[in-house]
Protein backbone atom coordinates (compact mmCIF):
# COMPACT_ATOMS: atom_id res chain seq x y z
CA MET A 1 166.89 -185.47 119.87
CA ASN A 2 166.55 -184.01 123.35
CA ARG A 3 166.33 -180.33 124.29
CA ARG A 4 170.00 -180.01 125.17
CA SER A 5 171.23 -181.62 121.93
CA PHE A 6 168.94 -179.36 119.93
CA LEU A 7 170.28 -176.24 121.67
CA GLN A 8 173.86 -177.37 121.25
CA ARG A 9 173.42 -178.00 117.53
CA THR A 10 171.53 -174.75 117.07
CA GLY A 11 174.27 -172.84 118.89
CA ALA A 12 176.92 -174.50 116.74
CA ALA A 13 175.06 -173.51 113.59
CA LEU A 14 174.80 -169.89 114.75
CA ALA A 15 178.48 -169.82 115.65
CA ALA A 16 179.28 -171.11 112.18
CA SER A 17 177.26 -168.28 110.65
CA LEU A 18 179.56 -165.80 112.37
CA ALA A 19 182.78 -167.49 111.24
CA PRO A 20 185.31 -165.56 109.14
CA ARG A 21 184.36 -164.92 105.54
CA ALA A 22 187.22 -167.09 104.29
CA SER A 23 185.66 -170.24 105.73
CA PHE A 24 182.46 -169.55 103.79
CA ALA A 25 184.29 -168.75 100.59
CA ALA A 26 185.62 -172.30 100.38
CA GLN A 27 182.08 -173.65 100.49
CA SER A 28 180.35 -171.01 98.36
CA ALA A 29 180.80 -173.02 95.17
CA GLU A 30 178.77 -175.89 96.63
CA ARG A 31 176.16 -173.88 98.58
CA THR A 32 175.40 -170.65 96.79
CA ARG A 33 171.93 -170.01 98.20
CA VAL A 34 170.69 -170.17 101.78
CA LEU A 35 167.17 -169.93 103.19
CA VAL A 36 166.85 -168.28 106.63
CA VAL A 37 163.55 -168.87 108.44
CA GLY A 38 162.60 -165.99 110.71
CA ALA A 39 163.47 -162.30 110.57
CA GLY A 40 164.25 -161.88 114.25
CA LEU A 41 167.62 -160.42 115.19
CA ALA A 42 169.27 -163.85 115.02
CA GLY A 43 167.87 -164.49 111.55
CA LEU A 44 168.79 -161.02 110.33
CA ALA A 45 172.31 -161.29 111.70
CA ALA A 46 172.80 -164.72 110.13
CA ALA A 47 171.51 -163.44 106.77
CA TYR A 48 173.75 -160.38 106.98
CA GLU A 49 176.87 -162.44 107.68
CA LEU A 50 176.02 -164.97 104.98
CA ASP A 51 175.49 -162.13 102.50
CA LYS A 52 178.90 -160.69 103.36
CA ALA A 53 180.38 -164.14 102.77
CA GLY A 54 179.06 -164.15 99.22
CA TYR A 55 175.95 -166.27 99.57
CA GLY A 56 172.58 -165.50 98.06
CA VAL A 57 170.21 -165.40 101.05
CA THR A 58 166.43 -165.40 101.29
CA VAL A 59 164.78 -164.58 104.63
CA LEU A 60 161.23 -165.78 105.26
CA GLU A 61 159.11 -164.06 107.91
CA ALA A 62 155.52 -165.01 108.72
CA ARG A 63 154.70 -161.67 110.33
CA SER A 64 154.18 -158.38 108.53
CA ARG A 65 157.34 -156.91 110.10
CA PRO A 66 160.92 -157.94 110.91
CA GLY A 67 162.47 -157.98 114.38
CA GLY A 68 160.87 -160.93 116.15
CA ARG A 69 160.10 -160.00 119.75
CA VAL A 70 162.05 -156.74 119.37
CA ARG A 71 159.46 -154.08 118.61
CA THR A 72 159.38 -150.31 119.10
CA TYR A 73 156.09 -148.39 119.38
CA ARG A 74 156.20 -144.76 118.29
CA ASP A 75 152.89 -143.86 116.66
CA PRO A 76 150.69 -143.73 119.82
CA PHE A 77 153.00 -141.24 121.53
CA ALA A 78 153.95 -137.59 121.23
CA ASP A 79 156.92 -136.66 119.06
CA GLY A 80 160.17 -138.12 120.33
CA LEU A 81 158.59 -140.60 122.75
CA TYR A 82 158.55 -144.36 122.25
CA ALA A 83 158.09 -147.62 124.13
CA GLU A 84 159.90 -150.91 123.72
CA MET A 85 157.39 -153.77 123.58
CA GLY A 86 159.96 -156.55 123.61
CA ALA A 87 163.68 -156.99 124.11
CA GLU A 88 165.39 -153.68 124.79
CA TYR A 89 168.60 -154.20 126.78
CA VAL A 90 172.10 -154.76 125.44
CA ASP A 91 174.32 -156.13 128.18
CA ALA A 92 178.06 -155.52 128.35
CA THR A 93 178.57 -159.22 127.54
CA ASP A 94 176.47 -159.04 124.35
CA GLU A 95 179.55 -159.00 122.14
CA TYR A 96 177.89 -159.22 118.74
CA ASP A 97 175.21 -156.66 119.56
CA HIS A 98 177.91 -154.12 120.36
CA LEU A 99 179.85 -155.02 117.22
CA TYR A 100 176.79 -154.45 115.04
CA CYS A 101 175.96 -151.19 116.80
CA LYS A 102 179.47 -149.96 116.08
CA GLU A 103 179.38 -151.19 112.48
CA PHE A 104 176.01 -149.53 111.76
CA GLY A 105 176.75 -146.35 113.72
CA LEU A 106 173.93 -146.88 116.22
CA LYS A 107 173.94 -145.00 119.51
CA VAL A 108 173.51 -147.14 122.62
CA LEU A 109 171.78 -145.32 125.47
CA THR A 110 172.27 -145.77 129.19
CA ALA A 111 169.26 -147.49 130.73
CA LYS A 112 167.53 -146.02 133.77
CA LEU A 113 166.64 -147.77 137.00
CA TYR A 114 162.97 -148.43 137.64
CA ASP A 115 161.24 -145.65 139.57
CA GLY A 116 158.46 -147.94 140.72
CA VAL A 117 156.05 -150.71 139.78
CA PHE A 118 152.30 -151.13 139.35
CA VAL A 119 151.16 -154.52 140.62
CA ARG A 120 147.75 -155.88 141.58
CA GLY A 121 146.16 -152.47 141.42
CA ARG A 122 148.84 -150.74 143.50
CA LYS A 123 151.47 -148.23 142.45
CA ILE A 124 154.57 -148.72 144.60
CA ALA A 125 157.65 -146.49 144.50
CA MET A 126 161.00 -148.28 144.33
CA ARG A 127 162.28 -146.14 147.18
CA ALA A 128 159.48 -147.41 149.42
CA ILE A 129 160.27 -151.01 148.46
CA LYS A 130 163.96 -150.57 149.23
CA ASP A 131 163.50 -148.89 152.60
CA GLY A 132 160.87 -151.42 153.65
CA THR A 133 158.01 -148.96 154.14
CA ALA A 134 156.00 -150.64 151.37
CA THR A 135 154.92 -154.26 151.35
CA LEU A 136 154.52 -156.09 148.07
CA PRO A 137 151.01 -157.58 147.66
CA PHE A 138 152.44 -161.09 147.23
CA GLU A 139 152.52 -163.77 149.92
CA GLY A 140 155.98 -164.89 151.00
CA THR A 141 157.96 -161.87 149.81
CA LYS A 142 160.66 -160.25 151.91
CA LYS A 143 160.76 -156.54 152.62
CA GLY A 144 163.46 -154.36 151.13
CA ARG A 145 163.60 -156.07 147.76
CA LEU A 146 161.59 -156.52 144.59
CA PHE A 147 163.71 -158.74 142.39
CA GLY A 148 165.04 -162.21 143.13
CA GLN A 149 162.36 -163.28 145.61
CA GLU A 150 162.56 -166.75 144.04
CA THR A 151 166.29 -167.17 144.77
CA GLU A 152 165.57 -168.20 148.35
CA TYR A 153 164.07 -171.40 146.95
CA ILE A 154 166.93 -172.32 144.62
CA LYS A 155 169.90 -171.57 146.91
CA ARG A 156 170.25 -175.22 147.91
CA LEU A 157 170.50 -176.31 144.30
CA ALA A 158 172.70 -173.43 143.17
CA ALA A 159 175.18 -174.31 145.93
CA MET A 160 175.63 -177.73 144.32
CA VAL A 161 177.17 -176.14 141.21
CA LYS A 162 180.92 -175.83 141.74
CA ASP A 163 181.79 -175.47 138.05
CA ARG A 164 179.38 -173.72 135.67
CA GLU A 165 180.90 -175.60 132.73
CA ALA A 166 180.26 -178.98 134.34
CA PRO A 167 177.17 -178.92 136.59
CA PRO A 168 176.46 -182.20 138.43
CA PRO A 169 173.89 -184.70 137.06
CA GLU A 170 171.40 -183.67 139.77
CA ILE A 171 171.36 -180.19 138.30
CA GLN A 172 171.37 -181.24 134.65
CA LYS A 173 168.23 -183.34 135.12
CA LEU A 174 166.37 -180.17 136.17
CA ASP A 175 166.04 -179.48 132.45
CA ASN A 176 163.12 -181.94 132.61
CA LEU A 177 161.26 -179.64 135.03
CA SER A 178 159.65 -176.27 134.51
CA VAL A 179 160.38 -173.28 136.73
CA VAL A 180 156.90 -173.61 138.25
CA GLU A 181 157.38 -177.29 139.05
CA LEU A 182 160.76 -176.68 140.69
CA LEU A 183 159.65 -173.72 142.81
CA LEU A 184 156.61 -175.62 144.04
CA GLU A 185 158.79 -178.63 144.90
CA GLU A 186 161.12 -176.35 146.85
CA GLY A 187 158.21 -174.91 148.84
CA ALA A 188 157.71 -171.53 147.16
CA PRO A 189 154.22 -169.97 147.55
CA ARG A 190 152.33 -169.50 144.30
CA ASP A 191 152.57 -165.74 144.85
CA ILE A 192 156.35 -165.97 144.48
CA ILE A 193 155.79 -167.59 141.10
CA ALA A 194 153.26 -164.89 140.18
CA LEU A 195 155.74 -162.14 141.06
CA TYR A 196 158.51 -163.89 139.13
CA THR A 197 156.19 -164.10 136.13
CA TYR A 198 155.41 -160.38 136.33
CA LEU A 199 159.05 -159.30 136.65
CA ASN A 200 160.24 -161.71 133.98
CA ALA A 201 157.60 -160.68 131.44
CA THR A 202 159.63 -157.88 129.86
CA GLU A 203 162.78 -159.99 129.57
CA SER A 204 161.41 -163.23 128.12
CA THR A 205 158.63 -164.34 125.82
CA ALA A 206 158.21 -167.56 127.84
CA ARG A 207 156.15 -168.14 130.94
CA PRO A 208 157.55 -169.94 134.01
CA HIS A 209 155.54 -173.10 133.27
CA GLU A 210 157.35 -173.21 129.89
CA MET A 211 160.82 -172.29 131.16
CA SER A 212 163.54 -174.75 132.15
CA ALA A 213 164.23 -175.12 135.87
CA TYR A 214 167.85 -175.79 134.91
CA GLY A 215 168.12 -172.30 133.45
CA LEU A 216 166.71 -170.74 136.61
CA VAL A 217 169.18 -172.55 138.87
CA MET A 218 172.14 -171.76 136.65
CA SER A 219 171.14 -168.10 136.53
CA GLY A 220 171.22 -168.17 140.33
CA VAL A 221 174.82 -169.36 140.16
CA HIS A 222 175.81 -166.35 138.06
CA GLU A 223 176.93 -163.38 140.11
CA GLY A 224 175.86 -159.83 139.48
CA GLY A 225 172.25 -160.46 138.54
CA PHE A 226 169.71 -157.67 138.23
CA ASN A 227 168.27 -156.27 141.46
CA GLU A 228 166.69 -153.09 142.77
CA ASP A 229 170.09 -151.65 143.79
CA VAL A 230 171.63 -151.94 140.34
CA ASP A 231 172.36 -148.75 138.44
CA GLU A 232 171.85 -150.13 134.97
CA GLY A 233 174.27 -147.61 133.55
CA LEU A 234 177.05 -148.84 135.84
CA ARG A 235 176.12 -152.39 134.99
CA SER A 236 176.70 -151.44 131.36
CA LEU A 237 173.19 -152.36 130.34
CA ARG A 238 172.07 -150.18 127.49
CA ARG A 239 168.89 -149.51 125.59
CA LEU A 240 168.78 -149.78 121.84
CA SER A 241 165.75 -149.01 119.74
CA GLY A 242 164.73 -152.30 118.17
CA LEU A 243 163.56 -150.48 115.06
CA GLU A 244 166.99 -148.89 114.57
CA PHE A 245 168.72 -152.27 114.82
CA GLU A 246 166.28 -153.92 112.42
CA THR A 247 166.56 -151.06 109.93
CA ALA A 248 170.35 -151.19 110.02
CA LEU A 249 170.43 -154.91 109.31
CA PHE A 250 167.86 -154.69 106.51
CA ALA A 251 169.58 -151.68 104.95
CA HIS A 252 172.15 -154.09 103.58
CA GLY A 253 169.52 -156.10 101.69
CA ARG A 254 166.70 -155.15 99.37
CA PRO A 255 163.57 -153.60 100.91
CA LEU A 256 160.89 -155.93 102.16
CA GLY A 257 157.72 -156.17 100.14
CA PRO A 258 154.38 -157.70 101.25
CA ARG A 259 152.98 -160.74 99.50
CA ALA A 260 149.39 -161.98 99.31
CA ASP A 261 149.98 -164.47 102.11
CA GLU A 262 151.50 -161.74 104.32
CA ARG A 263 154.84 -163.57 104.20
CA PHE A 264 157.72 -161.16 103.79
CA ARG A 265 160.88 -162.00 101.92
CA ALA A 266 164.17 -160.13 102.06
CA ARG A 267 166.63 -161.00 99.32
CA PHE A 268 170.33 -160.56 99.90
CA GLY A 269 172.95 -160.84 97.19
CA VAL A 270 170.46 -162.02 94.57
């Protein structure tokens, strides 16, 4: 099975987990118990929907906490302050995230634009980047912008995509290349890759040498991407405390309890 087939089948399985309760009810007599591996948001959401459909669900998590890469730090800070160590944004297109927030009564906060960055030992204000008075310490970057420096090297390929639902074979085969391999082939300096890695770090758990070049090109086709001029509030990006989301999902099952092997199990409907 290749990468694309795996993703398609995985996506189909997730879509099935969000199907109406009636469709599950017809099958519940044959499949009364389901094992969900991983207590990230996808696993928690799947378990929650399966539980509502009448299934007995067991969630296995290797870590000592739920949430996957969504994690909120509170203890090291003064009262009321916190930091998101993983995923933190809920886009306007994140349909199910918004549905769960509404269902669990969670408040979604307007995100704030970056005030500046700290790179290679230098603190640079966003205003100075935008007006061109500051130069990023990365070879090959253009003044006046921080984000999207890599797009210059994928424009040729992105222009080949006339229909996002049916990209040409030349684009589809890019799934066999990593982002690093593609950018180097297209003549990008290694500093462009280093900057992309830095800026992408808070949005993805993968590194560019692990990421699909196909995904990068297709993201370049999509209009309205993030840049230094975006007011994240107007873009309808919101911040949601990962801990609140995890707690809300787990509130509908029994509390987690540690085991000797540090594997946590959440039982739903059992």
